[in-house]
Amino acid sequence: MTHPTAVREAARVVAIEAARAYVANIRPIDLTNPGILTGHLMAAETLLMDIVAAHAETEGAA
């Protein structure tokens, strides 16, 4: 489904700002705790997938 340009651009901004906010709020990570480390990695992966999805939709419409 092709969305208007303003909607696509808003989705990109939201995805990128969510990733920036997540990174800005990360405190020192205890690298000896695999559960905490895994949680941070999974959250980062999810945010990156959102960014890719927001940009990939435009390429499919071109």
PDB file of N, CA and C in Angstrom:
ATOM      1  N   MET A   1       0.842  -1.171   0.000  1.00  0.00           N
ATOM      2  CA  MET A   1       0.000   0.000   0.000  1.00  0.00           C
ATOM      3  C   MET A   1       0.889   1.236   0.000  1.00  0.00           C
ATOM      4  N   THR A   2       0.601   2.140  -0.882  1.00  0.00           N
ATOM      5  CA  THR A   2       1.379   3.377  -0.977  1.00  0.00           C
ATOM      6  C   THR A   2       0.689   4.459  -0.164  1.00  0.00           C
ATOM      7  N   HIS A   3       1.437   5.066   0.733  1.00  0.00           N
ATOM      8  CA  HIS A   3       0.917   6.146   1.555  1.00  0.00           C
ATOM      9  C   HIS A   3       1.396   7.479   0.996  1.00  0.00           C
ATOM     10  N   PRO A   4       0.667   8.545   1.285  1.00  0.00           N
ATOM     11  CA  PRO A   4       1.137   9.872   0.864  1.00  0.00           C
ATOM     12  C   PRO A   4       2.528  10.154   1.431  1.00  0.00           C
ATOM     13  N   THR A   5       3.263  10.981   0.738  1.00  0.00           N
ATOM     14  CA  THR A   5       4.640  11.282   1.126  1.00  0.00           C
ATOM     15  C   THR A   5       4.748  11.776   2.555  1.00  0.00           C
ATOM     16  N   ALA A   6       3.840  12.621   2.981  1.00  0.00           N
ATOM     17  CA  ALA A   6       3.893  13.152   4.352  1.00  0.00           C
ATOM     18  C   ALA A   6       3.762  12.047   5.388  1.00  0.00           C
ATOM     19  N   VAL A   7       2.930  11.063   5.116  1.00  0.00           N
ATOM     20  CA  VAL A   7       2.752   9.949   6.048  1.00  0.00           C
ATOM     21  C   VAL A   7       4.006   9.088   6.099  1.00  0.00           C
ATOM     22  N   ARG A   8       4.594   8.821   4.947  1.00  0.00           N
ATOM     23  CA  ARG A   8       5.828   8.028   4.914  1.00  0.00           C
ATOM     24  C   ARG A   8       6.945   8.756   5.655  1.00  0.00           C
ATOM     25  N   GLU A   9       7.068  10.046   5.411  1.00  0.00           N
ATOM     26  CA  GLU A   9       8.125  10.818   6.070  1.00  0.00           C
ATOM     27  C   GLU A   9       7.901  10.855   7.573  1.00  0.00           C
ATOM     28  N   ALA A  10       6.673  10.967   7.996  1.00  0.00           N
ATOM     29  CA  ALA A  10       6.366  10.965   9.432  1.00  0.00           C
ATOM     30  C   ALA A  10       6.738   9.616  10.046  1.00  0.00           C
ATOM     31  N   ALA A  11       6.477   8.525   9.337  1.00  0.00           N
ATOM     32  CA  ALA A  11       6.834   7.200   9.850  1.00  0.00           C
ATOM     33  C   ALA A  11       8.347   7.072  10.001  1.00  0.00           C
ATOM     34  N   ARG A  12       9.081   7.629   9.056  1.00  0.00           N
ATOM     35  CA  ARG A  12      10.549   7.600   9.152  1.00  0.00           C
ATOM     36  C   ARG A  12      11.030   8.380  10.364  1.00  0.00           C
ATOM     37  N   VAL A  13      10.491   9.575  10.540  1.00  0.00           N
ATOM     38  CA  VAL A  13      10.909  10.429  11.658  1.00  0.00           C
ATOM     39  C   VAL A  13      10.581   9.760  12.981  1.00  0.00           C
ATOM     40  N   VAL A  14       9.399   9.185  13.094  1.00  0.00           N
ATOM     41  CA  VAL A  14       9.005   8.510  14.335  1.00  0.00           C
ATOM     42  C   VAL A  14       9.947   7.351  14.641  1.00  0.00           C
ATOM     43  N   ALA A  15      10.264   6.542  13.640  1.00  0.00           N
ATOM     44  CA  ALA A  15      11.143   5.393  13.854  1.00  0.00           C
ATOM     45  C   ALA A  15      12.548   5.831  14.261  1.00  0.00           C
ATOM     46  N   ILE A  16      13.073   6.837  13.606  1.00  0.00           N
ATOM     47  CA  ILE A  16      14.423   7.310  13.924  1.00  0.00           C
ATOM     48  C   ILE A  16      14.460   7.972  15.292  1.00  0.00           C
ATOM     49  N   GLU A  17      13.454   8.758  15.614  1.00  0.00           N
ATOM     50  CA  GLU A  17      13.421   9.418  16.922  1.00  0.00           C
ATOM     51  C   GLU A  17      13.249   8.409  18.050  1.00  0.00           C
ATOM     52  N   ALA A  18      12.520   7.335  17.819  1.00  0.00           N
ATOM     53  CA  ALA A  18      12.381   6.287  18.831  1.00  0.00           C
ATOM     54  C   ALA A  18      13.733   5.638  19.111  1.00  0.00           C
ATOM     55  N   ALA A  19      14.502   5.389  18.061  1.00  0.00           N
ATOM     56  CA  ALA A  19      15.836   4.809  18.245  1.00  0.00           C
ATOM     57  C   ALA A  19      16.756   5.783  18.975  1.00  0.00           C
ATOM     58  N   ARG A  20      16.697   7.059  18.607  1.00  0.00           N
ATOM     59  CA  ARG A  20      17.526   8.062  19.289  1.00  0.00           C
ATOM     60  C   ARG A  20      17.170   8.165  20.770  1.00  0.00           C
ATOM     61  N   ALA A  21      15.884   8.157  21.081  1.00  0.00           N
ATOM     62  CA  ALA A  21      15.451   8.251  22.477  1.00  0.00           C
ATOM     63  C   ALA A  21      15.910   7.035  23.271  1.00  0.00           C
ATOM     64  N   TYR A  22      15.838   5.864  22.648  1.00  0.00           N
ATOM     65  CA  TYR A  22      16.283   4.647  23.332  1.00  0.00           C
ATOM     66  C   TYR A  22      17.776   4.729  23.653  1.00  0.00           C
ATOM     67  N   VAL A  23      18.559   5.122  22.674  1.00  0.00           N
ATOM     68  CA  VAL A  23      20.005   5.209  22.876  1.00  0.00           C
ATOM     69  C   VAL A  23      20.351   6.277  23.908  1.00  0.00           C
ATOM     70  N   ALA A  24      19.642   7.397  23.879  1.00  0.00           N
ATOM     71  CA  ALA A  24      19.912   8.481  24.826  1.00  0.00           C
ATOM     72  C   ALA A  24      19.640   8.062  26.268  1.00  0.00           C
ATOM     73  N   ASN A  25      18.734   7.117  26.453  1.00  0.00           N
ATOM     74  CA  ASN A  25      18.357   6.701  27.810  1.00  0.00           C
ATOM     75  C   ASN A  25      19.099   5.462  28.312  1.00  0.00           C
ATOM     76  N   ILE A  26      19.999   4.940  27.509  1.00  0.00           N
ATOM     77  CA  ILE A  26      20.773   3.777  27.956  1.00  0.00           C
ATOM     78  C   ILE A  26      21.804   4.240  28.978  1.00  0.00           C
ATOM     79  N   ARG A  27      21.821   3.561  30.076  1.00  0.00           N
ATOM     80  CA  ARG A  27      22.825   3.805  31.105  1.00  0.00           C
ATOM     81  C   ARG A  27      23.940   2.790  30.887  1.00  0.00           C
ATOM     82  N   PRO A  28      25.015   2.894  31.625  1.00  0.00           N
ATOM     83  CA  PRO A  28      26.065   1.871  31.462  1.00  0.00           C
ATOM     84  C   PRO A  28      25.470   0.461  31.588  1.00  0.00           C
ATOM     85  N   ILE A  29      25.794  -0.359  30.632  1.00  0.00           N
ATOM     86  CA  ILE A  29      25.238  -1.714  30.577  1.00  0.00           C
ATOM     87  C   ILE A  29      26.166  -2.672  31.309  1.00  0.00           C
ATOM     88  N   ASP A  30      25.580  -3.480  32.183  1.00  0.00           N
ATOM     89  CA  ASP A  30      26.336  -4.495  32.900  1.00  0.00           C
ATOM     90  C   ASP A  30      26.598  -5.663  31.946  1.00  0.00           C
ATOM     91  N   LEU A  31      27.784  -5.713  31.390  1.00  0.00           N
ATOM     92  CA  LEU A  31      28.113  -6.736  30.400  1.00  0.00           C
ATOM     93  C   LEU A  31      28.260  -8.128  31.005  1.00  0.00           C
ATOM     94  N   THR A  32      28.209  -8.228  32.332  1.00  0.00           N
ATOM     95  CA  THR A  32      28.288  -9.546  32.971  1.00  0.00           C
ATOM     96  C   THR A  32      26.902 -10.146  33.163  1.00  0.00           C
ATOM     97  N   ASN A  33      25.854  -9.407  32.842  1.00  0.00           N
ATOM     98  CA  ASN A  33      24.488  -9.891  32.998  1.00  0.00           C
ATOM     99  C   ASN A  33      23.912 -10.189  31.613  1.00  0.00           C
ATOM    100  N   PRO A  34      23.894 -11.461  31.218  1.00  0.00           N
ATOM    101  CA  PRO A  34      23.441 -11.792  29.864  1.00  0.00           C
ATOM    102  C   PRO A  34      21.972 -11.445  29.613  1.00  0.00           C
ATOM    103  N   GLY A  35      21.137 -11.459  30.628  1.00  0.00           N
ATOM    104  CA  GLY A  35      19.726 -11.121  30.442  1.00  0.00           C
ATOM    105  C   GLY A  35      19.543  -9.665  30.058  1.00  0.00           C
ATOM    106  N   ILE A  36      20.230  -8.772  30.750  1.00  0.00           N
ATOM    107  CA  ILE A  36      20.147  -7.344  30.449  1.00  0.00           C
ATOM    108  C   ILE A  36      20.737  -7.067  29.065  1.00  0.00           C
ATOM    109  N   LEU A  37      21.874  -7.660  28.778  1.00  0.00           N
ATOM    110  CA  LEU A  37      22.522  -7.460  27.484  1.00  0.00           C
ATOM    111  C   LEU A  37      21.627  -7.952  26.344  1.00  0.00           C
ATOM    112  N   THR A  38      21.018  -9.111  26.523  1.00  0.00           N
ATOM    113  CA  THR A  38      20.126  -9.655  25.502  1.00  0.00           C
ATOM    114  C   THR A  38      18.916  -8.749  25.298  1.00  0.00           C
ATOM    115  N   GLY A  39      18.387  -8.217  26.378  1.00  0.00           N
ATOM    116  CA  GLY A  39      17.251  -7.309  26.276  1.00  0.00           C
ATOM    117  C   GLY A  39      17.585  -6.059  25.478  1.00  0.00           C
ATOM    118  N   HIS A  40      18.753  -5.486  25.743  1.00  0.00           N
ATOM    119  CA  HIS A  40      19.175  -4.304  24.982  1.00  0.00           C
ATOM    120  C   HIS A  40      19.378  -4.635  23.509  1.00  0.00           C
ATOM    121  N   LEU A  41      19.969  -5.764  23.226  1.00  0.00           N
ATOM    122  CA  LEU A  41      20.191  -6.152  21.830  1.00  0.00           C
ATOM    123  C   LEU A  41      18.875  -6.401  21.102  1.00  0.00           C
ATOM    124  N   MET A  42      17.922  -7.024  21.770  1.00  0.00           N
ATOM    125  CA  MET A  42      16.624  -7.284  21.150  1.00  0.00           C
ATOM    126  C   MET A  42      15.866  -5.978  20.894  1.00  0.00           C
ATOM    127  N   ALA A  43      15.933  -5.055  21.850  1.00  0.00           N
ATOM    128  CA  ALA A  43      15.272  -3.762  21.665  1.00  0.00           C
ATOM    129  C   ALA A  43      15.901  -3.003  20.500  1.00  0.00           C
ATOM    130  N   ALA A  44      17.216  -3.029  20.415  1.00  0.00           N
ATOM    131  CA  ALA A  44      17.910  -2.341  19.324  1.00  0.00           C
ATOM    132  C   ALA A  44      17.536  -2.965  17.977  1.00  0.00           C
ATOM    133  N   GLU A  45      17.453  -4.277  17.934  1.00  0.00           N
ATOM    134  CA  GLU A  45      17.088  -4.946  16.689  1.00  0.00           C
ATOM    135  C   GLU A  45      15.680  -4.555  16.250  1.00  0.00           C
ATOM    136  N   THR A  46      14.763  -4.495  17.192  1.00  0.00           N
ATOM    137  CA  THR A  46      13.385  -4.108  16.882  1.00  0.00           C
ATOM    138  C   THR A  46      13.325  -2.684  16.341  1.00  0.00           C
ATOM    139  N   LEU A  47      14.054  -1.777  16.970  1.00  0.00           N
ATOM    140  CA  LEU A  47      14.072  -0.391  16.506  1.00  0.00           C
ATOM    141  C   LEU A  47      14.671  -0.288  15.101  1.00  0.00           C
ATOM    142  N   LEU A  48      15.723  -1.038  14.840  1.00  0.00           N
ATOM    143  CA  LEU A  48      16.329  -1.021  13.501  1.00  0.00           C
ATOM    144  C   LEU A  48      15.383  -1.599  12.456  1.00  0.00           C
ATOM    145  N   MET A  49      14.637  -2.627  12.816  1.00  0.00           N
ATOM    146  CA  MET A  49      13.668  -3.196  11.870  1.00  0.00           C
ATOM    147  C   MET A  49      12.570  -2.183  11.555  1.00  0.00           C
ATOM    148  N   ASP A  50      12.163  -1.394  12.550  1.00  0.00           N
ATOM    149  CA  ASP A  50      11.166  -0.348  12.312  1.00  0.00           C
ATOM    150  C   ASP A  50      11.697   0.709  11.354  1.00  0.00           C
ATOM    151  N   ILE A  51      12.964   1.069  11.513  1.00  0.00           N
ATOM    152  CA  ILE A  51      13.577   2.056  10.621  1.00  0.00           C
ATOM    153  C   ILE A  51      13.644   1.518   9.193  1.00  0.00           C
ATOM    154  N   VAL A  52      14.059   0.278   9.049  1.00  0.00           N
ATOM    155  CA  VAL A  52      14.135  -0.341   7.721  1.00  0.00           C
ATOM    156  C   VAL A  52      12.750  -0.404   7.095  1.00  0.00           C
ATOM    157  N   ALA A  53      11.743  -0.773   7.859  1.00  0.00           N
ATOM    158  CA  ALA A  53      10.377  -0.876   7.316  1.00  0.00           C
ATOM    159  C   ALA A  53       9.869   0.489   6.872  1.00  0.00           C
ATOM    160  N   ALA A  54      10.189   1.523   7.628  1.00  0.00           N
ATOM    161  CA  ALA A  54       9.723   2.874   7.255  1.00  0.00           C
ATOM    162  C   ALA A  54      10.363   3.345   5.966  1.00  0.00           C
ATOM    163  N   HIS A  55      11.586   2.903   5.697  1.00  0.00           N
ATOM    164  CA  HIS A  55      12.270   3.323   4.471  1.00  0.00           C
ATOM    165  C   HIS A  55      11.987   2.367   3.305  1.00  0.00           C
ATOM    166  N   ALA A  56      11.755   1.114   3.579  1.00  0.00           N
ATOM    167  CA  ALA A  56      11.541   0.124   2.517  1.00  0.00           C
ATOM    168  C   ALA A  56      10.239   0.352   1.775  1.00  0.00           C
ATOM    169  N   GLU A  57       9.239   0.876   2.446  1.00  0.00           N
ATOM    170  CA  GLU A  57       7.953   1.097   1.806  1.00  0.00           C
ATOM    171  C   GLU A  57       8.075   2.067   0.638  1.00  0.00           C
ATOM    172  N   THR A  58       8.932   3.045   0.767  1.00  0.00           N
ATOM    173  CA  THR A  58       9.140   4.042  -0.285  1.00  0.00           C
ATOM    174  C   THR A  58       9.765   3.381  -1.516  1.00  0.00           C
ATOM    175  N   GLU A  59      10.725   2.503  -1.298  1.00  0.00           N
ATOM    176  CA  GLU A  59      11.409   1.867  -2.419  1.00  0.00           C
ATOM    177  C   GLU A  59      10.436   0.979  -3.195  1.00  0.00           C
ATOM    178  N   GLY A  60       9.516   0.320  -2.513  1.00  0.00           N
ATOM    179  CA  GLY A  60       8.542  -0.522  -3.188  1.00  0.00           C
ATOM    180  C   GLY A  60       7.565   0.283  -4.027  1.00  0.00           C
ATOM    181  N   ALA A  61       7.323   1.525  -3.640  1.00  0.00           N
ATOM    182  CA  ALA A  61       6.366   2.364  -4.352  1.00  0.00           C
ATOM    183  C   ALA A  61       6.986   3.030  -5.584  1.00  0.00           C
ATOM    184  N   ALA A  62       8.313   3.058  -5.639  1.00  0.00           N
ATOM    185  CA  ALA A  62       8.993   3.778  -6.733  1.00  0.00           C
ATOM    186  C   ALA A  62       8.952   3.033  -8.029  1.00  0.00           C
TER     187      ALA A  62
END
